[in-house]
PDB file of N, CA and C in Angstrom:
ATOM      1  N   MET A   1     -40.870  23.772  10.137  1.00  0.00           N
ATOM      2  CA  MET A   1     -41.128  22.466   9.566  1.00  0.00           C
ATOM      3  C   MET A   1     -40.652  22.399   8.112  1.00  0.00           C
ATOM      4  N   GLU A   2     -40.942  23.439   7.359  1.00  0.00           N
ATOM      5  CA  GLU A   2     -40.520  23.473   5.960  1.00  0.00           C
ATOM      6  C   GLU A   2     -38.996  23.490   5.854  1.00  0.00           C
ATOM      7  N   PHE A   3     -38.356  24.187   6.779  1.00  0.00           N
ATOM      8  CA  PHE A   3     -36.890  24.237   6.804  1.00  0.00           C
ATOM      9  C   PHE A   3     -36.315  22.833   6.980  1.00  0.00           C
ATOM     10  N   LEU A   4     -36.890  22.079   7.912  1.00  0.00           N
ATOM     11  CA  LEU A   4     -36.417  20.716   8.174  1.00  0.00           C
ATOM     12  C   LEU A   4     -36.606  19.820   6.943  1.00  0.00           C
ATOM     13  N   GLU A   5     -37.734  19.962   6.282  1.00  0.00           N
ATOM     14  CA  GLU A   5     -37.992  19.190   5.062  1.00  0.00           C
ATOM     15  C   GLU A   5     -36.983  19.536   3.977  1.00  0.00           C
ATOM     16  N   ASN A   6     -36.636  20.811   3.842  1.00  0.00           N
ATOM     17  CA  ASN A   6     -35.635  21.234   2.855  1.00  0.00           C
ATOM     18  C   ASN A   6     -34.270  20.651   3.181  1.00  0.00           C
ATOM     19  N   VAL A   7     -33.906  20.641   4.455  1.00  0.00           N
ATOM     20  CA  VAL A   7     -32.627  20.072   4.880  1.00  0.00           C
ATOM     21  C   VAL A   7     -32.587  18.586   4.565  1.00  0.00           C
ATOM     22  N   ILE A   8     -33.662  17.881   4.876  1.00  0.00           N
ATOM     23  CA  ILE A   8     -33.730  16.443   4.599  1.00  0.00           C
ATOM     24  C   ILE A   8     -33.620  16.179   3.103  1.00  0.00           C
ATOM     25  N   GLN A   9     -34.291  16.976   2.294  1.00  0.00           N
ATOM     26  CA  GLN A   9     -34.218  16.809   0.837  1.00  0.00           C
ATOM     27  C   GLN A   9     -32.806  17.049   0.324  1.00  0.00           C
ATOM     28  N   LYS A  10     -32.108  18.031   0.881  1.00  0.00           N
ATOM     29  CA  LYS A  10     -30.729  18.309   0.475  1.00  0.00           C
ATOM     30  C   LYS A  10     -29.811  17.155   0.866  1.00  0.00           C
ATOM     31  N   ILE A  11     -30.027  16.598   2.048  1.00  0.00           N
ATOM     32  CA  ILE A  11     -29.218  15.452   2.491  1.00  0.00           C
ATOM     33  C   ILE A  11     -29.457  14.256   1.575  1.00  0.00           C
ATOM     34  N   LYS A  12     -30.716  13.990   1.248  1.00  0.00           N
ATOM     35  CA  LYS A  12     -31.040  12.881   0.344  1.00  0.00           C
ATOM     36  C   LYS A  12     -30.401  13.096  -1.026  1.00  0.00           C
ATOM     37  N   ALA A  13     -30.459  14.316  -1.530  1.00  0.00           N
ATOM     38  CA  ALA A  13     -29.861  14.615  -2.840  1.00  0.00           C
ATOM     39  C   ALA A  13     -28.352  14.404  -2.786  1.00  0.00           C
ATOM     40  N   ARG A  14     -27.708  14.801  -1.702  1.00  0.00           N
ATOM     41  CA  ARG A  14     -26.256  14.616  -1.556  1.00  0.00           C
ATOM     42  C   ARG A  14     -25.897  13.131  -1.500  1.00  0.00           C
ATOM     43  N   ILE A  15     -26.681  12.358  -0.758  1.00  0.00           N
ATOM     44  CA  ILE A  15     -26.437  10.917  -0.674  1.00  0.00           C
ATOM     45  C   ILE A  15     -26.567  10.288  -2.054  1.00  0.00           C
ATOM     46  N   LYS A  16     -27.619  10.645  -2.781  1.00  0.00           N
ATOM     47  CA  LYS A  16     -27.804  10.105  -4.133  1.00  0.00           C
ATOM     48  C   LYS A  16     -26.634  10.472  -5.035  1.00  0.00           C
ATOM     49  N   SER A  17     -26.215  11.717  -4.956  1.00  0.00           N
ATOM     50  CA  SER A  17     -25.091  12.176  -5.768  1.00  0.00           C
ATOM     51  C   SER A  17     -23.824  11.386  -5.435  1.00  0.00           C
ATOM     52  N   ASP A  18     -23.549  11.218  -4.153  1.00  0.00           N
ATOM     53  CA  ASP A  18     -22.361  10.468  -3.734  1.00  0.00           C
ATOM     54  C   ASP A  18     -22.435   9.005  -4.150  1.00  0.00           C
ATOM     55  N   LEU A  19     -23.634   8.426  -4.090  1.00  0.00           N
ATOM     56  CA  LEU A  19     -23.787   7.027  -4.515  1.00  0.00           C
ATOM     57  C   LEU A  19     -23.530   6.875  -6.013  1.00  0.00           C
ATOM     58  N   PHE A  20     -23.959   7.841  -6.803  1.00  0.00           N
ATOM     59  CA  PHE A  20     -23.677   7.794  -8.240  1.00  0.00           C
ATOM     60  C   PHE A  20     -22.175   7.909  -8.503  1.00  0.00           C
ATOM     61  N   ILE A  21     -21.490   8.723  -7.711  1.00  0.00           N
ATOM     62  CA  ILE A  21     -20.037   8.836  -7.846  1.00  0.00           C
ATOM     63  C   ILE A  21     -19.378   7.497  -7.548  1.00  0.00           C
ATOM     64  N   VAL A  22     -19.817   6.843  -6.481  1.00  0.00           N
ATOM     65  CA  VAL A  22     -19.269   5.523  -6.127  1.00  0.00           C
ATOM     66  C   VAL A  22     -19.549   4.528  -7.243  1.00  0.00           C
ATOM     67  N   LYS A  23     -20.771   4.534  -7.755  1.00  0.00           N
ATOM     68  CA  LYS A  23     -21.143   3.604  -8.831  1.00  0.00           C
ATOM     69  C   LYS A  23     -20.252   3.799 -10.057  1.00  0.00           C
ATOM     70  N   GLU A  24     -20.075   5.035 -10.478  1.00  0.00           N
ATOM     71  CA  GLU A  24     -19.248   5.312 -11.656  1.00  0.00           C
ATOM     72  C   GLU A  24     -17.796   4.916 -11.417  1.00  0.00           C
ATOM     73  N   ALA A  25     -17.297   5.188 -10.238  1.00  0.00           N
ATOM     74  CA  ALA A  25     -15.909   4.829  -9.930  1.00  0.00           C
ATOM     75  C   ALA A  25     -15.728   3.315  -9.902  1.00  0.00           C
ATOM     76  N   LEU A  26     -16.698   2.607  -9.350  1.00  0.00           N
ATOM     77  CA  LEU A  26     -16.604   1.143  -9.318  1.00  0.00           C
ATOM     78  C   LEU A  26     -16.676   0.554 -10.724  1.00  0.00           C
ATOM     79  N   ALA A  27     -17.414   1.206 -11.592  1.00  0.00           N
ATOM     80  CA  ALA A  27     -17.539   0.715 -12.962  1.00  0.00           C
ATOM     81  C   ALA A  27     -16.198   0.773 -13.696  1.00  0.00           C
ATOM     82  N   LYS A  28     -15.335   1.708 -13.290  1.00  0.00           N
ATOM     83  CA  LYS A  28     -13.993   1.810 -13.864  1.00  0.00           C
ATOM     84  C   LYS A  28     -13.068   0.935 -13.020  1.00  0.00           C
ATOM     85  N   GLU A  29     -13.359  -0.339 -13.055  1.00  0.00           N
ATOM     86  CA  GLU A  29     -12.705  -1.265 -12.147  1.00  0.00           C
ATOM     87  C   GLU A  29     -11.207  -1.430 -12.402  1.00  0.00           C
ATOM     88  N   THR A  30     -10.485  -1.443 -11.327  1.00  0.00           N
ATOM     89  CA  THR A  30      -9.081  -1.806 -11.368  1.00  0.00           C
ATOM     90  C   THR A  30      -8.984  -3.191 -10.758  1.00  0.00           C
ATOM     91  N   ASP A  31      -7.861  -3.832 -10.915  1.00  0.00           N
ATOM     92  CA  ASP A  31      -7.693  -5.158 -10.319  1.00  0.00           C
ATOM     93  C   ASP A  31      -7.883  -5.105  -8.805  1.00  0.00           C
ATOM     94  N   GLU A  32      -7.349  -4.054  -8.177  1.00  0.00           N
ATOM     95  CA  GLU A  32      -7.465  -3.939  -6.722  1.00  0.00           C
ATOM     96  C   GLU A  32      -8.920  -3.745  -6.300  1.00  0.00           C
ATOM     97  N   THR A  33      -9.648  -2.928  -7.040  1.00  0.00           N
ATOM     98  CA  THR A  33     -11.052  -2.687  -6.719  1.00  0.00           C
ATOM     99  C   THR A  33     -11.866  -3.953  -6.909  1.00  0.00           C
ATOM    100  N   LYS A  34     -11.578  -4.684  -7.970  1.00  0.00           N
ATOM    101  CA  LYS A  34     -12.298  -5.931  -8.228  1.00  0.00           C
ATOM    102  C   LYS A  34     -12.051  -6.929  -7.093  1.00  0.00           C
ATOM    103  N   GLU A  35     -10.809  -7.062  -6.678  1.00  0.00           N
ATOM    104  CA  GLU A  35     -10.493  -7.966  -5.564  1.00  0.00           C
ATOM    105  C   GLU A  35     -11.178  -7.517  -4.280  1.00  0.00           C
ATOM    106  N   MET A  36     -11.229  -6.199  -4.059  1.00  0.00           N
ATOM    107  CA  MET A  36     -11.874  -5.661  -2.871  1.00  0.00           C
ATOM    108  C   MET A  36     -13.346  -6.058  -2.843  1.00  0.00           C
ATOM    109  N   ILE A  37     -14.036  -5.876  -3.954  1.00  0.00           N
ATOM    110  CA  ILE A  37     -15.464  -6.189  -3.994  1.00  0.00           C
ATOM    111  C   ILE A  37     -15.688  -7.691  -3.848  1.00  0.00           C
ATOM    112  N   ILE A  38     -14.852  -8.484  -4.471  1.00  0.00           N
ATOM    113  CA  ILE A  38     -14.976  -9.936  -4.323  1.00  0.00           C
ATOM    114  C   ILE A  38     -14.793 -10.330  -2.863  1.00  0.00           C
ATOM    115  N   THR A  39     -13.821  -9.708  -2.193  1.00  0.00           N
ATOM    116  CA  THR A  39     -13.594  -9.999  -0.775  1.00  0.00           C
ATOM    117  C   THR A  39     -14.816  -9.619   0.054  1.00  0.00           C
ATOM    118  N   TYR A  40     -15.410  -8.459  -0.208  1.00  0.00           N
ATOM    119  CA  TYR A  40     -16.607  -8.067   0.539  1.00  0.00           C
ATOM    120  C   TYR A  40     -17.771  -9.017   0.258  1.00  0.00           C
ATOM    121  N   MET A  41     -17.876  -9.483  -0.966  1.00  0.00           N
ATOM    122  CA  MET A  41     -18.925 -10.443  -1.278  1.00  0.00           C
ATOM    123  C   MET A  41     -18.672 -11.757  -0.539  1.00  0.00           C
ATOM    124  N   LYS A  42     -17.406 -12.170  -0.468  1.00  0.00           N
ATOM    125  CA  LYS A  42     -17.055 -13.369   0.297  1.00  0.00           C
ATOM    126  C   LYS A  42     -17.358 -13.165   1.778  1.00  0.00           C
ATOM    127  N   PHE A  43     -17.062 -11.965   2.295  1.00  0.00           N
ATOM    128  CA  PHE A  43     -17.338 -11.650   3.697  1.00  0.00           C
ATOM    129  C   PHE A  43     -18.821 -11.799   4.004  1.00  0.00           C
ATOM    130  N   SER A  44     -19.671 -11.334   3.078  1.00  0.00           N
ATOM    131  CA  SER A  44     -21.119 -11.412   3.303  1.00  0.00           C
ATOM    132  C   SER A  44     -21.600 -12.853   3.383  1.00  0.00           C
ATOM    133  N   GLN A  45     -20.770 -13.790   2.904  1.00  0.00           N
ATOM    134  CA  GLN A  45     -21.092 -15.215   2.962  1.00  0.00           C
ATOM    135  C   GLN A  45     -20.274 -15.935   4.032  1.00  0.00           C
ATOM    136  N   GLY A  46     -19.524 -15.165   4.800  1.00  0.00           N
ATOM    137  CA  GLY A  46     -18.712 -15.751   5.865  1.00  0.00           C
ATOM    138  C   GLY A  46     -17.482 -16.493   5.372  1.00  0.00           C
ATOM    139  N   LYS A  47     -16.978 -16.122   4.186  1.00  0.00           N
ATOM    140  CA  LYS A  47     -15.871 -16.861   3.577  1.00  0.00           C
ATOM    141  C   LYS A  47     -14.571 -16.053   3.458  1.00  0.00           C
ATOM    142  N   ALA A  48     -14.519 -14.843   3.973  1.00  0.00           N
ATOM    143  CA  ALA A  48     -13.314 -14.016   3.845  1.00  0.00           C
ATOM    144  C   ALA A  48     -12.487 -14.100   5.129  1.00  0.00           C
ATOM    145  N   SER A  49     -11.180 -14.181   4.953  1.00  0.00           N
ATOM    146  CA  SER A  49     -10.288 -14.224   6.115  1.00  0.00           C
ATOM    147  C   SER A  49     -10.079 -12.811   6.660  1.00  0.00           C
ATOM    148  N   LYS A  50      -9.527 -12.741   7.874  1.00  0.00           N
ATOM    149  CA  LYS A  50      -9.233 -11.439   8.482  1.00  0.00           C
ATOM    150  C   LYS A  50      -8.201 -10.689   7.643  1.00  0.00           C
ATOM    151  N   LYS A  51      -7.237 -11.416   7.116  1.00  0.00           N
ATOM    152  CA  LYS A  51      -6.202 -10.777   6.287  1.00  0.00           C
ATOM    153  C   LYS A  51      -6.826 -10.193   5.023  1.00  0.00           C
ATOM    154  N   GLU A  52      -7.705 -10.955   4.379  1.00  0.00           N
ATOM    155  CA  GLU A  52      -8.383 -10.463   3.169  1.00  0.00           C
ATOM    156  C   GLU A  52      -9.206  -9.213   3.489  1.00  0.00           C
ATOM    157  N   MET A  53      -9.888  -9.239   4.623  1.00  0.00           N
ATOM    158  CA  MET A  53     -10.713  -8.091   5.003  1.00  0.00           C
ATOM    159  C   MET A  53      -9.854  -6.861   5.302  1.00  0.00           C
ATOM    160  N   LYS A  54      -8.711  -7.084   5.926  1.00  0.00           N
ATOM    161  CA  LYS A  54      -7.827  -5.957   6.219  1.00  0.00           C
ATOM    162  C   LYS A  54      -7.362  -5.302   4.916  1.00  0.00           C
ATOM    163  N   LEU A  55      -6.979  -6.136   3.943  1.00  0.00           N
ATOM    164  CA  LEU A  55      -6.553  -5.607   2.641  1.00  0.00           C
ATOM    165  C   LEU A  55      -7.707  -4.918   1.909  1.00  0.00           C
ATOM    166  N   ALA A  56      -8.897  -5.514   1.966  1.00  0.00           N
ATOM    167  CA  ALA A  56     -10.063  -4.930   1.299  1.00  0.00           C
ATOM    168  C   ALA A  56     -10.430  -3.593   1.928  1.00  0.00           C
ATOM    169  N   ASN A  57     -10.382  -3.514   3.250  1.00  0.00           N
ATOM    170  CA  ASN A  57     -10.711  -2.252   3.925  1.00  0.00           C
ATOM    171  C   ASN A  57      -9.700  -1.167   3.580  1.00  0.00           C
ATOM    172  N   LYS A  58      -8.436  -1.545   3.512  1.00  0.00           N
ATOM    173  CA  LYS A  58      -7.398  -0.576   3.140  1.00  0.00           C
ATOM    174  C   LYS A  58      -7.642  -0.076   1.711  1.00  0.00           C
ATOM    175  N   GLN A  59      -7.954  -0.982   0.799  1.00  0.00           N
ATOM    176  CA  GLN A  59      -8.233  -0.603  -0.585  1.00  0.00           C
ATOM    177  C   GLN A  59      -9.478   0.274  -0.660  1.00  0.00           C
ATOM    178  N   PHE A  60     -10.497  -0.042   0.137  1.00  0.00           N
ATOM    179  CA  PHE A  60     -11.725   0.746   0.122  1.00  0.00           C
ATOM    180  C   PHE A  60     -11.464   2.168   0.604  1.00  0.00           C
ATOM    181  N   GLN A  61     -10.654   2.311   1.629  1.00  0.00           N
ATOM    182  CA  GLN A  61     -10.304   3.652   2.116  1.00  0.00           C
ATOM    183  C   GLN A  61      -9.579   4.436   1.028  1.00  0.00           C
ATOM    184  N   SER A  62      -8.642   3.776   0.361  1.00  0.00           N
ATOM    185  CA  SER A  62      -7.909   4.420  -0.725  1.00  0.00           C
ATOM    186  C   SER A  62      -8.859   4.799  -1.860  1.00  0.00           C
ATOM    187  N   PHE A  63      -9.755   3.896  -2.196  1.00  0.00           N
ATOM    188  CA  PHE A  63     -10.741   4.112  -3.251  1.00  0.00           C
ATOM    189  C   PHE A  63     -11.603   5.340  -2.944  1.00  0.00           C
ATOM    190  N   LEU A  64     -12.114   5.421  -1.710  1.00  0.00           N
ATOM    191  CA  LEU A  64     -12.968   6.553  -1.339  1.00  0.00           C
ATOM    192  C   LEU A  64     -12.212   7.869  -1.368  1.00  0.00           C
ATOM    193  N   LYS A  65     -10.965   7.845  -0.945  1.00  0.00           N
ATOM    194  CA  LYS A  65     -10.158   9.062  -0.996  1.00  0.00           C
ATOM    195  C   LYS A  65      -9.941   9.491  -2.439  1.00  0.00           C
ATOM    196  N   THR A  66      -9.709   8.518  -3.308  1.00  0.00           N
ATOM    197  CA  THR A  66      -9.473   8.802  -4.726  1.00  0.00           C
ATOM    198  C   THR A  66     -10.676   9.472  -5.373  1.00  0.00           C
ATOM    199  N   ILE A  67     -11.878   9.034  -5.014  1.00  0.00           N
ATOM    200  CA  ILE A  67     -13.070   9.607  -5.643  1.00  0.00           C
ATOM    201  C   ILE A  67     -13.638  10.788  -4.854  1.00  0.00           C
ATOM    202  N   GLY A  68     -12.913  11.222  -3.840  1.00  0.00           N
ATOM    203  CA  GLY A  68     -13.323  12.412  -3.113  1.00  0.00           C
ATOM    204  C   GLY A  68     -14.327  12.182  -2.015  1.00  0.00           C
ATOM    205  N   LEU A  69     -14.499  10.963  -1.594  1.00  0.00           N
ATOM    206  CA  LEU A  69     -15.438  10.662  -0.510  1.00  0.00           C
ATOM    207  C   LEU A  69     -14.688  10.106   0.693  1.00  0.00           C
ATOM    208  N   GLY A  70     -13.532  10.654   0.949  1.00  0.00           N
ATOM    209  CA  GLY A  70     -12.665  10.173   2.020  1.00  0.00           C
ATOM    210  C   GLY A  70     -13.304  10.142   3.385  1.00  0.00           C
ATOM    211  N   THR A  71     -14.319  10.960   3.606  1.00  0.00           N
ATOM    212  CA  THR A  71     -14.966  10.939   4.918  1.00  0.00           C
ATOM    213  C   THR A  71     -15.617   9.595   5.199  1.00  0.00           C
ATOM    214  N   LEU A  72     -16.057   8.895   4.150  1.00  0.00           N
ATOM    215  CA  LEU A  72     -16.631   7.566   4.362  1.00  0.00           C
ATOM    216  C   LEU A  72     -15.577   6.555   4.785  1.00  0.00           C
ATOM    217  N   ALA A  73     -14.344   6.825   4.468  1.00  0.00           N
ATOM    218  CA  ALA A  73     -13.266   5.888   4.786  1.00  0.00           C
ATOM    219  C   ALA A  73     -12.998   5.805   6.276  1.00  0.00           C
ATOM    220  N   VAL A  74     -13.433   6.784   7.031  1.00  0.00           N
ATOM    221  CA  VAL A  74     -13.175   6.768   8.465  1.00  0.00           C
ATOM    222  C   VAL A  74     -14.397   6.329   9.267  1.00  0.00           C
ATOM    223  N   LEU A  75     -15.419   5.846   8.597  1.00  0.00           N
ATOM    224  CA  LEU A  75     -16.592   5.370   9.306  1.00  0.00           C
ATOM    225  C   LEU A  75     -16.221   4.198  10.206  1.00  0.00           C
ATOM    226  N   PRO A  76     -16.837   4.131  11.386  1.00  0.00           N
ATOM    227  CA  PRO A  76     -16.573   2.976  12.242  1.00  0.00           C
ATOM    228  C   PRO A  76     -17.139   1.714  11.606  1.00  0.00           C
ATOM    229  N   LEU A  77     -16.677   0.593  12.055  1.00  0.00           N
ATOM    230  CA  LEU A  77     -17.136  -0.707  11.554  1.00  0.00           C
ATOM    231  C   LEU A  77     -16.888  -0.857  10.053  1.00  0.00           C
ATOM    232  N   ALA A  78     -15.680  -0.591   9.648  1.00  0.00           N
ATOM    233  CA  ALA A  78     -15.306  -0.601   8.232  1.00  0.00           C
ATOM    234  C   ALA A  78     -15.771  -1.837   7.459  1.00  0.00           C
ATOM    235  N   PRO A  79     -15.755  -3.043   8.030  1.00  0.00           N
ATOM    236  CA  PRO A  79     -16.212  -4.193   7.235  1.00  0.00           C
ATOM    237  C   PRO A  79     -17.659  -4.096   6.783  1.00  0.00           C
ATOM    238  N   PHE A  80     -18.420  -3.233   7.416  1.00  0.00           N
ATOM    239  CA  PHE A  80     -19.828  -3.103   7.064  1.00  0.00           C
ATOM    240  C   PHE A  80     -20.099  -1.898   6.169  1.00  0.00           C
ATOM    241  N   THR A  81     -19.046  -1.173   5.809  1.00  0.00           N
ATOM    242  CA  THR A  81     -19.223   0.050   5.044  1.00  0.00           C
ATOM    243  C   THR A  81     -19.810  -0.214   3.659  1.00  0.00           C
ATOM    244  N   ILE A  82     -19.227  -1.141   2.904  1.00  0.00           N
ATOM    245  CA  ILE A  82     -19.763  -1.407   1.559  1.00  0.00           C
ATOM    246  C   ILE A  82     -21.181  -1.954   1.623  1.00  0.00           C
ATOM    247  N   PRO A  83     -21.464  -2.944   2.485  1.00  0.00           N
ATOM    248  CA  PRO A  83     -22.870  -3.384   2.549  1.00  0.00           C
ATOM    249  C   PRO A  83     -23.833  -2.248   2.893  1.00  0.00           C
ATOM    250  N   LEU A  84     -23.401  -1.334   3.755  1.00  0.00           N
ATOM    251  CA  LEU A  84     -24.238  -0.186   4.098  1.00  0.00           C
ATOM    252  C   LEU A  84     -24.446   0.706   2.881  1.00  0.00           C
ATOM    253  N   ILE A  85     -23.391   0.947   2.132  1.00  0.00           N
ATOM    254  CA  ILE A  85     -23.503   1.786   0.938  1.00  0.00           C
ATOM    255  C   ILE A  85     -24.387   1.104  -0.108  1.00  0.00           C
ATOM    256  N   VAL A  86     -24.244  -0.218  -0.253  1.00  0.00           N
ATOM    257  CA  VAL A  86     -25.087  -0.959  -1.197  1.00  0.00           C
ATOM    258  C   VAL A  86     -26.552  -0.842  -0.780  1.00  0.00           C
ATOM    259  N   LYS A  87     -26.798  -0.995   0.521  1.00  0.00           N
ATOM    260  CA  LYS A  87     -28.179  -0.898   1.018  1.00  0.00           C
ATOM    261  C   LYS A  87     -28.735   0.510   0.811  1.00  0.00           C
ATOM    262  N   LEU A  88     -27.927   1.535   1.084  1.00  0.00           N
ATOM    263  CA  LEU A  88     -28.363   2.904   0.833  1.00  0.00           C
ATOM    264  C   LEU A  88     -28.681   3.104  -0.650  1.00  0.00           C
ATOM    265  N   GLY A  89     -27.820   2.556  -1.495  1.00  0.00           N
ATOM    266  CA  GLY A  89     -28.056   2.657  -2.930  1.00  0.00           C
ATOM    267  C   GLY A  89     -29.387   2.050  -3.325  1.00  0.00           C
ATOM    268  N   ARG A  90     -29.656   0.856  -2.805  1.00  0.00           N
ATOM    269  CA  ARG A  90     -30.932   0.204  -3.109  1.00  0.00           C
ATOM    270  C   ARG A  90     -32.103   1.053  -2.627  1.00  0.00           C
ATOM    271  N   HIS A  91     -31.947   1.650  -1.450  1.00  0.00           N
ATOM    272  CA  HIS A  91     -33.008   2.504  -0.905  1.00  0.00           C
ATOM    273  C   HIS A  91     -33.316   3.663  -1.849  1.00  0.00           C
ATOM    274  N   PHE A  92     -32.268   4.190  -2.485  1.00  0.00           N
ATOM    275  CA  PHE A  92     -32.441   5.316  -3.402  1.00  0.00           C
ATOM    276  C   PHE A  92     -32.589   4.861  -4.857  1.00  0.00           C
ATOM    277  N   GLY A  93     -32.708   3.553  -5.079  1.00  0.00           N
ATOM    278  CA  GLY A  93     -32.896   3.039  -6.426  1.00  0.00           C
ATOM    279  C   GLY A  93     -31.640   3.038  -7.285  1.00  0.00           C
ATOM    280  N   ILE A  94     -30.464   2.958  -6.619  1.00  0.00           N
ATOM    281  CA  ILE A  94     -29.187   2.964  -7.337  1.00  0.00           C
ATOM    282  C   ILE A  94     -28.454   1.666  -7.036  1.00  0.00           C
ATOM    283  N   ASP A  95     -28.217   0.875  -8.063  1.00  0.00           N
ATOM    284  CA  ASP A  95     -27.453  -0.357  -7.897  1.00  0.00           C
ATOM    285  C   ASP A  95     -25.988  -0.015  -8.141  1.00  0.00           C
ATOM    286  N   ILE A  96     -25.194   0.109  -7.070  1.00  0.00           N
ATOM    287  CA  ILE A  96     -23.825   0.602  -7.227  1.00  0.00           C
ATOM    288  C   ILE A  96     -22.829  -0.482  -7.612  1.00  0.00           C
ATOM    289  N   ILE A  97     -23.192  -1.746  -7.484  1.00  0.00           N
ATOM    290  CA  ILE A  97     -22.270  -2.817  -7.855  1.00  0.00           C
ATOM    291  C   ILE A  97     -22.370  -3.047  -9.361  1.00  0.00           C
ATOM    292  N   PRO A  98     -21.261  -2.849 -10.089  1.00  0.00           N
ATOM    293  CA  PRO A  98     -21.288  -3.041 -11.543  1.00  0.00           C
ATOM    294  C   PRO A  98     -21.641  -4.485 -11.920  1.00  0.00           C
ATOM    295  N   ASN A  99     -22.288  -4.652 -13.052  1.00  0.00           N
ATOM    296  CA  ASN A  99     -22.684  -5.989 -13.505  1.00  0.00           C
ATOM    297  C   ASN A  99     -21.501  -6.937 -13.630  1.00  0.00           C
ATOM    298  N   SER A 100     -20.329  -6.400 -13.949  1.00  0.00           N
ATOM    299  CA  SER A 100     -19.164  -7.267 -14.115  1.00  0.00           C
ATOM    300  C   SER A 100     -18.771  -7.961 -12.819  1.00  0.00           C
ATOM    301  N   PHE A 101     -19.258  -7.468 -11.680  1.00  0.00           N
ATOM    302  CA  PHE A 101     -18.957  -8.103 -10.403  1.00  0.00           C
ATOM    303  C   PHE A 101     -20.025  -9.108  -9.995  1.00  0.00           C
ATOM    304  N   LYS A 102     -21.128  -9.085 -10.690  1.00  0.00           N
ATOM    305  CA  LYS A 102     -22.247  -9.959 -10.315  1.00  0.00           C
ATOM    306  C   LYS A 102     -22.074 -11.299 -11.023  1.00  0.00           C
ATOM    307  N   ARG A 103     -21.882 -12.301 -10.214  1.00  0.00           N
ATOM    308  CA  ARG A 103     -21.770 -13.646 -10.753  1.00  0.00           C
ATOM    309  C   ARG A 103     -22.274 -14.588  -9.691  1.00  0.00           C
ATOM    310  N   PRO A 104     -22.551 -15.821 -10.054  1.00  0.00           N
ATOM    311  CA  PRO A 104     -23.075 -16.759  -9.064  1.00  0.00           C
ATOM    312  C   PRO A 104     -22.152 -16.869  -7.846  1.00  0.00           C
ATOM    313  N   SER A 105     -22.752 -16.916  -6.673  1.00  0.00           N
ATOM    314  CA  SER A 105     -21.968 -16.936  -5.438  1.00  0.00           C
ATOM    315  C   SER A 105     -21.094 -18.175  -5.309  1.00  0.00           C
ATOM    316  N   LYS A 106     -21.385 -19.237  -6.014  1.00  0.00           N
ATOM    317  CA  LYS A 106     -20.552 -20.442  -5.917  1.00  0.00           C
ATOM    318  C   LYS A 106     -19.160 -20.219  -6.478  1.00  0.00           C
ATOM    319  N   GLU A 107     -18.977 -19.164  -7.301  1.00  0.00           N
ATOM    320  CA  GLU A 107     -17.660 -18.871  -7.863  1.00  0.00           C
ATOM    321  C   GLU A 107     -16.758 -18.143  -6.889  1.00  0.00           C
ATOM    322  N   LEU A 108     -17.310 -17.609  -5.799  1.00  0.00           N
ATOM    323  CA  LEU A 108     -16.521 -16.828  -4.845  1.00  0.00           C
ATOM    324  C   LEU A 108     -15.697 -17.703  -3.976  1.00  0.00           C
TER     325      LEU A 108
END
């Protein structure tokens, strides 16, 4: 039982560490990363086209590979990857979306 608890704690620590890496990388925004996040925010409101999502997913895969988390880039259901990561971040008390991306949804 103690072994299982230790494994779970190590997994949680790794997830937290990876989320902080994503947060820091997103904070160093590039134009492509900014467009990617805007597209995902539009998607969450049902306003992103399939073409926009394809480009955003491609950029997200590139982004994850760049920061050393390439394994996340191959997750199934790619359009849901960022919302899942955001939700995981919230669960661990980490807001991974930089403030510069937060603006009223009417601007999207």
